[in-house]
All heavy atoms as atom14 arrays in JSON, in Angstrom:
{
  "sequence": "GTSGNVYPAAGFVEEVRGAGHGHTVELNLEPSQGHSSFAERAYGRASE",
  "atom14_mask": [
    [1, 1, 1, 1, 0, 0, 0, 0, 0, 0, 0, 0, 0, 0],
    [1, 1, 1, 1, 1, 1, 1, 0, 0, 0, 0, 0, 0, 0],
    [1, 1, 1, 1, 1, 1, 0, 0, 0, 0, 0, 0, 0, 0],
    [1, 1, 1, 1, 0, 0, 0, 0, 0, 0, 0, 0, 0, 0],
    [1, 1, 1, 1, 1, 1, 1, 1, 0, 0, 0, 0, 0, 0],
    [1, 1, 1, 1, 1, 1, 1, 0, 0, 0, 0, 0, 0, 0],
    [1, 1, 1, 1, 1, 1, 1, 1, 1, 1, 1, 1, 0, 0],
    [1, 1, 1, 1, 1, 1, 1, 0, 0, 0, 0, 0, 0, 0],
    [1, 1, 1, 1, 1, 0, 0, 0, 0, 0, 0, 0, 0, 0],
    [1, 1, 1, 1, 1, 0, 0, 0, 0, 0, 0, 0, 0, 0],
    [1, 1, 1, 1, 0, 0, 0, 0, 0, 0, 0, 0, 0, 0],
    [1, 1, 1, 1, 1, 1, 1, 1, 1, 1, 1, 0, 0, 0],
    [1, 1, 1, 1, 1, 1, 1, 0, 0, 0, 0, 0, 0, 0],
    [1, 1, 1, 1, 1, 1, 1, 1, 1, 0, 0, 0, 0, 0],
    [1, 1, 1, 1, 1, 1, 1, 1, 1, 0, 0, 0, 0, 0],
    [1, 1, 1, 1, 1, 1, 1, 0, 0, 0, 0, 0, 0, 0],
    [1, 1, 1, 1, 1, 1, 1, 1, 1, 1, 1, 0, 0, 0],
    [1, 1, 1, 1, 0, 0, 0, 0, 0, 0, 0, 0, 0, 0],
    [1, 1, 1, 1, 1, 0, 0, 0, 0, 0, 0, 0, 0, 0],
    [1, 1, 1, 1, 0, 0, 0, 0, 0, 0, 0, 0, 0, 0],
    [1, 1, 1, 1, 1, 1, 1, 1, 1, 1, 0, 0, 0, 0],
    [1, 1, 1, 1, 0, 0, 0, 0, 0, 0, 0, 0, 0, 0],
    [1, 1, 1, 1, 1, 1, 1, 1, 1, 1, 0, 0, 0, 0],
    [1, 1, 1, 1, 1, 1, 1, 0, 0, 0, 0, 0, 0, 0],
    [1, 1, 1, 1, 1, 1, 1, 0, 0, 0, 0, 0, 0, 0],
    [1, 1, 1, 1, 1, 1, 1, 1, 1, 0, 0, 0, 0, 0],
    [1, 1, 1, 1, 1, 1, 1, 1, 0, 0, 0, 0, 0, 0],
    [1, 1, 1, 1, 1, 1, 1, 1, 0, 0, 0, 0, 0, 0],
    [1, 1, 1, 1, 1, 1, 1, 1, 0, 0, 0, 0, 0, 0],
    [1, 1, 1, 1, 1, 1, 1, 1, 1, 0, 0, 0, 0, 0],
    [1, 1, 1, 1, 1, 1, 1, 0, 0, 0, 0, 0, 0, 0],
    [1, 1, 1, 1, 1, 1, 0, 0, 0, 0, 0, 0, 0, 0],
    [1, 1, 1, 1, 1, 1, 1, 1, 1, 0, 0, 0, 0, 0],
    [1, 1, 1, 1, 0, 0, 0, 0, 0, 0, 0, 0, 0, 0],
    [1, 1, 1, 1, 1, 1, 1, 1, 1, 1, 0, 0, 0, 0],
    [1, 1, 1, 1, 1, 1, 0, 0, 0, 0, 0, 0, 0, 0],
    [1, 1, 1, 1, 1, 1, 0, 0, 0, 0, 0, 0, 0, 0],
    [1, 1, 1, 1, 1, 1, 1, 1, 1, 1, 1, 0, 0, 0],
    [1, 1, 1, 1, 1, 0, 0, 0, 0, 0, 0, 0, 0, 0],
    [1, 1, 1, 1, 1, 1, 1, 1, 1, 0, 0, 0, 0, 0],
    [1, 1, 1, 1, 1, 1, 1, 1, 1, 1, 1, 0, 0, 0],
    [1, 1, 1, 1, 1, 0, 0, 0, 0, 0, 0, 0, 0, 0],
    [1, 1, 1, 1, 1, 1, 1, 1, 1, 1, 1, 1, 0, 0],
    [1, 1, 1, 1, 0, 0, 0, 0, 0, 0, 0, 0, 0, 0],
    [1, 1, 1, 1, 1, 1, 1, 1, 1, 1, 1, 0, 0, 0],
    [1, 1, 1, 1, 1, 0, 0, 0, 0, 0, 0, 0, 0, 0],
    [1, 1, 1, 1, 1, 1, 0, 0, 0, 0, 0, 0, 0, 0],
    [1, 1, 1, 1, 1, 1, 1, 1, 1, 0, 0, 0, 0, 0]
  ],
  "atom14_positions": [
    [[-38.81, -41.1, 13.9], [-38.66, -39.79, 14.51], [-37.46, -39.71, 15.42], [-37.47, -39.07, 16.47], [0.0, 0.0, 0.0], [0.0, 0.0, 0.0], [0.0, 0.0, 0.0], [0.0, 0.0, 0.0], [0.0, 0.0, 0.0], [0.0, 0.0, 0.0], [0.0, 0.0, 0.0], [0.0, 0.0, 0.0], [0.0, 0.0, 0.0], [0.0, 0.0, 0.0]],
    [[-36.28, -40.3, 15.03], [-35.15, -40.27, 15.89], [-33.94, -39.7, 15.05], [-33.85, -40.02, 13.88], [-34.76, -41.57, 16.5], [-33.62, -41.51, 17.3], [-34.69, -42.68, 15.47], [0.0, 0.0, 0.0], [0.0, 0.0, 0.0], [0.0, 0.0, 0.0], [0.0, 0.0, 0.0], [0.0, 0.0, 0.0], [0.0, 0.0, 0.0], [0.0, 0.0, 0.0]],
    [[-33.1, -38.95, 15.65], [-31.99, -38.33, 14.96], [-30.87, -39.29, 14.6], [-30.09, -39.01, 13.66], [-31.3, -37.24, 15.89], [-30.79, -37.84, 17.08], [0.0, 0.0, 0.0], [0.0, 0.0, 0.0], [0.0, 0.0, 0.0], [0.0, 0.0, 0.0], [0.0, 0.0, 0.0], [0.0, 0.0, 0.0], [0.0, 0.0, 0.0], [0.0, 0.0, 0.0]],
    [[-30.73, -40.45, 15.27], [-29.83, -41.43, 14.93], [-28.38, -41.1, 15.44], [-27.38, -41.63, 14.91], [0.0, 0.0, 0.0], [0.0, 0.0, 0.0], [0.0, 0.0, 0.0], [0.0, 0.0, 0.0], [0.0, 0.0, 0.0], [0.0, 0.0, 0.0], [0.0, 0.0, 0.0], [0.0, 0.0, 0.0], [0.0, 0.0, 0.0], [0.0, 0.0, 0.0]],
    [[-28.29, -40.22, 16.43], [-26.95, -39.86, 16.91], [-26.82, -40.04, 18.43], [-25.85, -39.57, 19.09], [-26.52, -38.47, 16.53], [-27.52, -37.41, 16.98], [-28.33, -37.67, 17.81], [-27.33, -36.15, 16.54], [0.0, 0.0, 0.0], [0.0, 0.0, 0.0], [0.0, 0.0, 0.0], [0.0, 0.0, 0.0], [0.0, 0.0, 0.0], [0.0, 0.0, 0.0]],
    [[-27.85, -40.71, 19.07], [-27.73, -41.01, 20.51], [-27.62, -42.52, 20.67], [-28.54, -43.33, 20.27], [-29.02, -40.47, 21.15], [-28.98, -40.8, 22.68], [-29.18, -38.98, 20.96], [0.0, 0.0, 0.0], [0.0, 0.0, 0.0], [0.0, 0.0, 0.0], [0.0, 0.0, 0.0], [0.0, 0.0, 0.0], [0.0, 0.0, 0.0], [0.0, 0.0, 0.0]],
    [[-26.59, -42.89, 21.26], [-26.39, -44.37, 21.47], [-26.81, -44.72, 22.92], [-26.82, -43.86, 23.81], [-24.87, -44.74, 21.29], [-24.46, -44.79, 19.82], [-24.16, -43.58, 19.13], [-24.51, -45.97, 19.17], [-23.88, -43.64, 17.8], [-24.24, -46.06, 17.81], [-23.83, -44.86, 17.11], [-23.56, -44.89, 15.76], [0.0, 0.0, 0.0], [0.0, 0.0, 0.0]],
    [[-27.22, -45.99, 23.1], [-27.18, -47.12, 22.21], [-28.21, -47.22, 21.15], [-28.13, -48.04, 20.24], [-27.24, -48.25, 23.16], [-28.06, -47.79, 24.31], [-27.69, -46.34, 24.46], [0.0, 0.0, 0.0], [0.0, 0.0, 0.0], [0.0, 0.0, 0.0], [0.0, 0.0, 0.0], [0.0, 0.0, 0.0], [0.0, 0.0, 0.0], [0.0, 0.0, 0.0]],
    [[-29.28, -46.36, 21.19], [-30.4, -46.53, 20.25], [-29.92, -46.39, 18.77], [-30.46, -47.1, 17.93], [-31.52, -45.57, 20.59], [0.0, 0.0, 0.0], [0.0, 0.0, 0.0], [0.0, 0.0, 0.0], [0.0, 0.0, 0.0], [0.0, 0.0, 0.0], [0.0, 0.0, 0.0], [0.0, 0.0, 0.0], [0.0, 0.0, 0.0], [0.0, 0.0, 0.0]],
    [[-29.01, -45.48, 18.57], [-28.55, -45.29, 17.17], [-27.88, -46.54, 16.6], [-27.81, -46.66, 15.38], [-27.54, -44.1, 17.18], [0.0, 0.0, 0.0], [0.0, 0.0, 0.0], [0.0, 0.0, 0.0], [0.0, 0.0, 0.0], [0.0, 0.0, 0.0], [0.0, 0.0, 0.0], [0.0, 0.0, 0.0], [0.0, 0.0, 0.0], [0.0, 0.0, 0.0]],
    [[-27.49, -47.46, 17.41], [-26.85, -48.74, 16.95], [-27.82, -49.86, 16.78], [-27.44, -50.93, 16.29], [0.0, 0.0, 0.0], [0.0, 0.0, 0.0], [0.0, 0.0, 0.0], [0.0, 0.0, 0.0], [0.0, 0.0, 0.0], [0.0, 0.0, 0.0], [0.0, 0.0, 0.0], [0.0, 0.0, 0.0], [0.0, 0.0, 0.0], [0.0, 0.0, 0.0]],
    [[-29.11, -49.63, 17.01], [-30.05, -50.77, 16.92], [-30.19, -51.32, 15.51], [-30.33, -52.51, 15.32], [-31.44, -50.32, 17.4], [-31.53, -50.18, 18.94], [-32.75, -49.67, 19.51], [-30.46, -50.46, 19.79], [-32.86, -49.51, 20.89], [-30.59, -50.3, 21.13], [-31.77, -49.76, 21.7], [0.0, 0.0, 0.0], [0.0, 0.0, 0.0], [0.0, 0.0, 0.0]],
    [[-30.12, -50.44, 14.51], [-30.28, -50.88, 13.12], [-29.11, -51.84, 12.82], [-29.3, -52.85, 12.02], [-30.4, -49.67, 12.18], [-29.08, -48.85, 12.2], [-30.63, -50.22, 10.74], [0.0, 0.0, 0.0], [0.0, 0.0, 0.0], [0.0, 0.0, 0.0], [0.0, 0.0, 0.0], [0.0, 0.0, 0.0], [0.0, 0.0, 0.0], [0.0, 0.0, 0.0]],
    [[-27.92, -51.54, 13.31], [-26.8, -52.45, 13.01], [-26.94, -53.84, 13.72], [-26.54, -54.81, 13.25], [-25.5, -51.78, 13.37], [-25.13, -50.51, 12.55], [-25.08, -50.81, 11.1], [-24.88, -51.98, 10.66], [-25.24, -49.86, 10.29], [0.0, 0.0, 0.0], [0.0, 0.0, 0.0], [0.0, 0.0, 0.0], [0.0, 0.0, 0.0], [0.0, 0.0, 0.0]],
    [[-27.54, -53.79, 14.92], [-27.88, -55.05, 15.59], [-28.75, -55.91, 14.77], [-28.54, -57.14, 14.61], [-28.54, -54.77, 16.97], [-27.64, -54.08, 18.01], [-26.48, -54.99, 18.44], [-26.75, -56.18, 18.62], [-25.48, -54.47, 18.8], [0.0, 0.0, 0.0], [0.0, 0.0, 0.0], [0.0, 0.0, 0.0], [0.0, 0.0, 0.0], [0.0, 0.0, 0.0]],
    [[-29.77, -55.3, 14.12], [-30.75, -56.08, 13.34], [-30.04, -56.61, 12.02], [-30.18, -57.77, 11.61], [-31.96, -55.21, 12.92], [-32.9, -55.99, 12.07], [-32.69, -54.78, 14.21], [0.0, 0.0, 0.0], [0.0, 0.0, 0.0], [0.0, 0.0, 0.0], [0.0, 0.0, 0.0], [0.0, 0.0, 0.0], [0.0, 0.0, 0.0], [0.0, 0.0, 0.0]],
    [[-29.31, -55.69, 11.42], [-28.54, -56.05, 10.25], [-27.58, -57.19, 10.51], [-27.42, -58.18, 9.7], [-27.79, -54.89, 9.62], [-28.7, -53.9, 8.92], [-27.96, -52.57, 8.72], [-26.67, -52.65, 8.13], [-26.41, -52.48, 6.83], [-27.39, -52.2, 5.96], [-25.14, -52.61, 6.33], [0.0, 0.0, 0.0], [0.0, 0.0, 0.0], [0.0, 0.0, 0.0]],
    [[-26.92, -57.17, 11.67], [-26.03, -58.23, 12.07], [-26.66, -59.52, 12.24], [-25.99, -60.61, 12.02], [0.0, 0.0, 0.0], [0.0, 0.0, 0.0], [0.0, 0.0, 0.0], [0.0, 0.0, 0.0], [0.0, 0.0, 0.0], [0.0, 0.0, 0.0], [0.0, 0.0, 0.0], [0.0, 0.0, 0.0], [0.0, 0.0, 0.0], [0.0, 0.0, 0.0]],
    [[-27.94, -59.55, 12.71], [-28.6, -60.83, 12.88], [-28.92, -61.47, 11.51], [-29.2, -62.66, 11.5], [-29.91, -60.61, 13.62], [0.0, 0.0, 0.0], [0.0, 0.0, 0.0], [0.0, 0.0, 0.0], [0.0, 0.0, 0.0], [0.0, 0.0, 0.0], [0.0, 0.0, 0.0], [0.0, 0.0, 0.0], [0.0, 0.0, 0.0], [0.0, 0.0, 0.0]],
    [[-29.01, -60.66, 10.47], [-29.09, -61.22, 9.14], [-30.41, -61.47, 8.5], [-30.54, -61.94, 7.39], [0.0, 0.0, 0.0], [0.0, 0.0, 0.0], [0.0, 0.0, 0.0], [0.0, 0.0, 0.0], [0.0, 0.0, 0.0], [0.0, 0.0, 0.0], [0.0, 0.0, 0.0], [0.0, 0.0, 0.0], [0.0, 0.0, 0.0], [0.0, 0.0, 0.0]],
    [[-31.56, -61.23, 9.23], [-32.83, -61.64, 8.66], [-33.9, -60.56, 8.85], [-34.99, -60.7, 8.31], [-33.34, -62.92, 9.26], [-33.56, -62.89, 10.73], [-34.67, -62.43, 11.32], [-32.7, -63.25, 11.79], [-34.58, -62.48, 12.64], [-33.38, -63.0, 12.96], [0.0, 0.0, 0.0], [0.0, 0.0, 0.0], [0.0, 0.0, 0.0], [0.0, 0.0, 0.0]],
    [[-33.68, -59.49, 9.57], [-34.65, -58.47, 9.82], [-34.63, -57.37, 8.76], [-33.57, -56.93, 8.36], [0.0, 0.0, 0.0], [0.0, 0.0, 0.0], [0.0, 0.0, 0.0], [0.0, 0.0, 0.0], [0.0, 0.0, 0.0], [0.0, 0.0, 0.0], [0.0, 0.0, 0.0], [0.0, 0.0, 0.0], [0.0, 0.0, 0.0], [0.0, 0.0, 0.0]],
    [[-35.82, -56.98, 8.27], [-35.94, -55.86, 7.4], [-35.89, -54.56, 8.17], [-36.51, -54.47, 9.26], [-37.26, -55.98, 6.56], [-37.39, -54.91, 5.51], [-36.47, -54.64, 4.57], [-38.43, -54.03, 5.33], [-36.91, -53.71, 3.76], [-38.1, -53.28, 4.19], [0.0, 0.0, 0.0], [0.0, 0.0, 0.0], [0.0, 0.0, 0.0], [0.0, 0.0, 0.0]],
    [[-35.23, -53.53, 7.68], [-35.01, -52.3, 8.48], [-35.68, -51.12, 7.66], [-35.48, -50.99, 6.5], [-33.56, -52.04, 8.67], [-32.85, -51.98, 7.49], [-32.93, -53.09, 9.6], [0.0, 0.0, 0.0], [0.0, 0.0, 0.0], [0.0, 0.0, 0.0], [0.0, 0.0, 0.0], [0.0, 0.0, 0.0], [0.0, 0.0, 0.0], [0.0, 0.0, 0.0]],
    [[-36.42, -50.25, 8.42], [-37.18, -49.16, 7.85], [-36.95, -47.93, 8.7], [-37.1, -47.94, 9.94], [-38.69, -49.52, 7.73], [-39.39, -48.28, 7.1], [-38.85, -50.74, 6.93], [0.0, 0.0, 0.0], [0.0, 0.0, 0.0], [0.0, 0.0, 0.0], [0.0, 0.0, 0.0], [0.0, 0.0, 0.0], [0.0, 0.0, 0.0], [0.0, 0.0, 0.0]],
    [[-36.64, -46.78, 8.1], [-36.58, -45.52, 8.73], [-37.8, -44.64, 8.21], [-37.97, -44.4, 7.04], [-35.26, -44.81, 8.42], [-35.23, -43.39, 9.01], [-33.9, -42.7, 8.91], [-33.12, -42.9, 9.87], [-33.54, -42.03, 7.91], [0.0, 0.0, 0.0], [0.0, 0.0, 0.0], [0.0, 0.0, 0.0], [0.0, 0.0, 0.0], [0.0, 0.0, 0.0]],
    [[-38.57, -44.17, 9.2], [-39.62, -43.2, 8.93], [-39.26, -41.97, 9.69], [-39.32, -41.97, 10.96], [-40.97, -43.76, 9.38], [-41.34, -45.13, 8.77], [-42.7, -45.57, 9.36], [-41.49, -45.05, 7.25], [0.0, 0.0, 0.0], [0.0, 0.0, 0.0], [0.0, 0.0, 0.0], [0.0, 0.0, 0.0], [0.0, 0.0, 0.0], [0.0, 0.0, 0.0]],
    [[-38.98, -40.93, 9.08], [-38.5, -39.71, 9.7], [-38.85, -38.47, 8.92], [-39.23, -38.51, 7.75], [-36.92, -39.81, 9.82], [-36.43, -39.3, 11.13], [-37.15, -38.76, 11.96], [-35.12, -39.49, 11.36], [0.0, 0.0, 0.0], [0.0, 0.0, 0.0], [0.0, 0.0, 0.0], [0.0, 0.0, 0.0], [0.0, 0.0, 0.0], [0.0, 0.0, 0.0]],
    [[-38.76, -37.3, 9.63], [-39.01, -36.02, 8.91], [-37.93, -35.79, 7.86], [-38.23, -35.28, 6.81], [-39.03, -34.87, 9.9], [-39.4, -33.54, 9.4], [-40.75, -33.48, 8.74], [-39.23, -32.47, 10.47], [0.0, 0.0, 0.0], [0.0, 0.0, 0.0], [0.0, 0.0, 0.0], [0.0, 0.0, 0.0], [0.0, 0.0, 0.0], [0.0, 0.0, 0.0]],
    [[-36.72, -36.16, 8.2], [-35.59, -36.07, 7.28], [-34.59, -37.2, 7.57], [-34.69, -37.9, 8.63], [-34.91, -34.68, 7.44], [-34.42, -34.43, 8.89], [-33.98, -32.96, 9.04], [-34.34, -32.14, 8.26], [-33.21, -32.76, 10.04], [0.0, 0.0, 0.0], [0.0, 0.0, 0.0], [0.0, 0.0, 0.0], [0.0, 0.0, 0.0], [0.0, 0.0, 0.0]],
    [[-33.66, -37.51, 6.64], [-32.75, -38.56, 6.91], [-31.98, -38.35, 8.21], [-31.48, -37.3, 8.55], [-31.76, -38.45, 5.73], [-32.59, -37.86, 4.6], [-33.46, -36.84, 5.32], [0.0, 0.0, 0.0], [0.0, 0.0, 0.0], [0.0, 0.0, 0.0], [0.0, 0.0, 0.0], [0.0, 0.0, 0.0], [0.0, 0.0, 0.0], [0.0, 0.0, 0.0]],
    [[-31.88, -39.44, 8.95], [-31.09, -39.43, 10.23], [-29.63, -39.62, 9.93], [-29.21, -39.81, 8.79], [-31.55, -40.59, 11.12], [-31.15, -41.86, 10.59], [0.0, 0.0, 0.0], [0.0, 0.0, 0.0], [0.0, 0.0, 0.0], [0.0, 0.0, 0.0], [0.0, 0.0, 0.0], [0.0, 0.0, 0.0], [0.0, 0.0, 0.0], [0.0, 0.0, 0.0]],
    [[-28.84, -39.54, 10.97], [-27.42, -39.7, 10.85], [-27.08, -41.04, 10.25], [-26.11, -41.16, 9.52], [-26.68, -39.41, 12.15], [-25.18, -39.47, 12.08], [-24.57, -38.93, 13.37], [-24.81, -37.86, 13.83], [-23.76, -39.81, 13.98], [0.0, 0.0, 0.0], [0.0, 0.0, 0.0], [0.0, 0.0, 0.0], [0.0, 0.0, 0.0], [0.0, 0.0, 0.0]],
    [[-27.86, -42.03, 10.57], [-27.6, -43.4, 10.08], [-28.52, -43.9, 9.08], [-28.71, -45.08, 8.88], [0.0, 0.0, 0.0], [0.0, 0.0, 0.0], [0.0, 0.0, 0.0], [0.0, 0.0, 0.0], [0.0, 0.0, 0.0], [0.0, 0.0, 0.0], [0.0, 0.0, 0.0], [0.0, 0.0, 0.0], [0.0, 0.0, 0.0], [0.0, 0.0, 0.0]],
    [[-29.06, -42.96, 8.29], [-30.1, -43.38, 7.3], [-29.71, -44.39, 6.29], [-30.43, -45.2, 5.88], [-30.59, -42.11, 6.54], [-29.59, -41.52, 5.6], [-28.67, -40.67, 5.99], [-29.48, -41.66, 4.27], [-27.91, -40.33, 4.96], [-28.39, -40.96, 3.87], [0.0, 0.0, 0.0], [0.0, 0.0, 0.0], [0.0, 0.0, 0.0], [0.0, 0.0, 0.0]],
    [[-28.38, -44.37, 5.87], [-27.87, -45.27, 4.87], [-27.9, -46.74, 5.32], [-27.75, -47.65, 4.42], [-26.54, -44.9, 4.41], [-25.6, -44.95, 5.5], [0.0, 0.0, 0.0], [0.0, 0.0, 0.0], [0.0, 0.0, 0.0], [0.0, 0.0, 0.0], [0.0, 0.0, 0.0], [0.0, 0.0, 0.0], [0.0, 0.0, 0.0], [0.0, 0.0, 0.0]],
    [[-28.03, -46.94, 6.61], [-28.05, -48.36, 7.1], [-29.37, -49.08, 6.94], [-29.47, -50.28, 7.11], [-27.65, -48.4, 8.61], [-26.3, -47.96, 8.8], [0.0, 0.0, 0.0], [0.0, 0.0, 0.0], [0.0, 0.0, 0.0], [0.0, 0.0, 0.0], [0.0, 0.0, 0.0], [0.0, 0.0, 0.0], [0.0, 0.0, 0.0], [0.0, 0.0, 0.0]],
    [[-30.45, -48.24, 6.6], [-31.78, -48.84, 6.51], [-32.06, -49.28, 5.05], [-31.72, -48.63, 4.06], [-32.78, -47.77, 6.91], [-32.82, -47.46, 8.38], [-31.93, -46.48, 8.9], [-33.6, -48.18, 9.23], [-31.91, -46.22, 10.22], [-33.51, -47.94, 10.63], [-32.71, -46.94, 11.13], [0.0, 0.0, 0.0], [0.0, 0.0, 0.0], [0.0, 0.0, 0.0]],
    [[-32.74, -50.4, 4.94], [-33.1, -50.96, 3.64], [-34.2, -50.1, 2.98], [-34.3, -50.02, 1.7], [-33.48, -52.42, 3.75], [0.0, 0.0, 0.0], [0.0, 0.0, 0.0], [0.0, 0.0, 0.0], [0.0, 0.0, 0.0], [0.0, 0.0, 0.0], [0.0, 0.0, 0.0], [0.0, 0.0, 0.0], [0.0, 0.0, 0.0], [0.0, 0.0, 0.0]],
    [[-35.02, -49.55, 3.81], [-36.18, -48.79, 3.28], [-36.36, -47.49, 4.09], [-36.17, -47.47, 5.29], [-37.5, -49.64, 3.43], [-38.77, -49.0, 2.93], [-39.99, -49.92, 3.07], [-39.73, -51.16, 3.23], [-41.08, -49.47, 3.02], [0.0, 0.0, 0.0], [0.0, 0.0, 0.0], [0.0, 0.0, 0.0], [0.0, 0.0, 0.0], [0.0, 0.0, 0.0]],
    [[-36.63, -46.38, 3.38], [-36.74, -45.12, 4.01], [-37.89, -44.31, 3.46], [-38.14, -44.35, 2.27], [-35.47, -44.29, 3.81], [-34.3, -44.72, 4.68], [-33.21, -45.43, 3.86], [-32.47, -44.55, 2.96], [-31.56, -44.99, 2.05], [-31.36, -46.3, 1.91], [-30.95, -44.17, 1.29], [0.0, 0.0, 0.0], [0.0, 0.0, 0.0], [0.0, 0.0, 0.0]],
    [[-38.55, -43.6, 4.37], [-39.65, -42.68, 3.89], [-39.6, -41.49, 4.76], [-39.41, -41.61, 6.01], [-41.02, -43.34, 3.97], [0.0, 0.0, 0.0], [0.0, 0.0, 0.0], [0.0, 0.0, 0.0], [0.0, 0.0, 0.0], [0.0, 0.0, 0.0], [0.0, 0.0, 0.0], [0.0, 0.0, 0.0], [0.0, 0.0, 0.0], [0.0, 0.0, 0.0]],
    [[-39.78, -40.27, 4.18], [-39.58, -39.03, 4.92], [-40.78, -38.13, 4.73], [-41.43, -38.01, 3.66], [-38.33, -38.37, 4.45], [-37.06, -39.2, 4.64], [-36.42, -39.71, 3.54], [-36.64, -39.52, 5.87], [-35.33, -40.53, 3.73], [-35.56, -40.35, 6.11], [-34.9, -40.91, 5.02], [-33.79, -41.72, 5.17], [0.0, 0.0, 0.0], [0.0, 0.0, 0.0]],
    [[-41.13, -37.52, 5.84], [-42.23, -36.61, 5.91], [-42.76, -36.51, 7.35], [-42.13, -36.98, 8.27], [0.0, 0.0, 0.0], [0.0, 0.0, 0.0], [0.0, 0.0, 0.0], [0.0, 0.0, 0.0], [0.0, 0.0, 0.0], [0.0, 0.0, 0.0], [0.0, 0.0, 0.0], [0.0, 0.0, 0.0], [0.0, 0.0, 0.0], [0.0, 0.0, 0.0]],
    [[-43.95, -35.87, 7.59], [-44.52, -35.71, 8.87], [-44.91, -37.06, 9.41], [-45.52, -37.87, 8.74], [-45.68, -34.81, 8.77], [-45.36, -33.32, 8.47], [-46.64, -32.55, 8.01], [-47.64, -32.61, 9.06], [-47.76, -31.74, 10.04], [-46.92, -30.75, 10.14], [-48.83, -31.86, 10.93], [0.0, 0.0, 0.0], [0.0, 0.0, 0.0], [0.0, 0.0, 0.0]],
    [[-44.54, -37.22, 10.65], [-44.84, -38.58, 11.28], [-46.34, -38.89, 11.29], [-46.76, -40.01, 11.03], [-44.32, -38.55, 12.76], [0.0, 0.0, 0.0], [0.0, 0.0, 0.0], [0.0, 0.0, 0.0], [0.0, 0.0, 0.0], [0.0, 0.0, 0.0], [0.0, 0.0, 0.0], [0.0, 0.0, 0.0], [0.0, 0.0, 0.0], [0.0, 0.0, 0.0]],
    [[-47.16, -37.87, 11.47], [-48.63, -38.04, 11.49], [-49.19, -38.45, 10.11], [-50.31, -38.92, 10.02], [-49.29, -36.73, 11.88], [-49.03, -35.7, 11.01], [0.0, 0.0, 0.0], [0.0, 0.0, 0.0], [0.0, 0.0, 0.0], [0.0, 0.0, 0.0], [0.0, 0.0, 0.0], [0.0, 0.0, 0.0], [0.0, 0.0, 0.0], [0.0, 0.0, 0.0]],
    [[-48.36, -38.33, 9.09], [-48.86, -38.82, 7.77], [-48.13, -40.07, 7.34], [-48.8, -41.01, 6.91], [-48.47, -37.69, 6.77], [-49.27, -36.38, 6.98], [-48.83, -35.26, 6.11], [-47.85, -35.48, 5.38], [-49.42, -34.16, 6.22], [0.0, 0.0, 0.0], [0.0, 0.0, 0.0], [0.0, 0.0, 0.0], [0.0, 0.0, 0.0], [0.0, 0.0, 0.0]]
  ]
}
């Protein structure tokens, strides 16, 4: 549920990717600004 354009939070996915072992997942209503950085993505209502 985040837009992916407010730092420093928007850079968290790259911190995980840089560590080299964490799986990254975006769950959002629609793709965030940084959606392509996530290994797994699912879109729809958060409550679902």
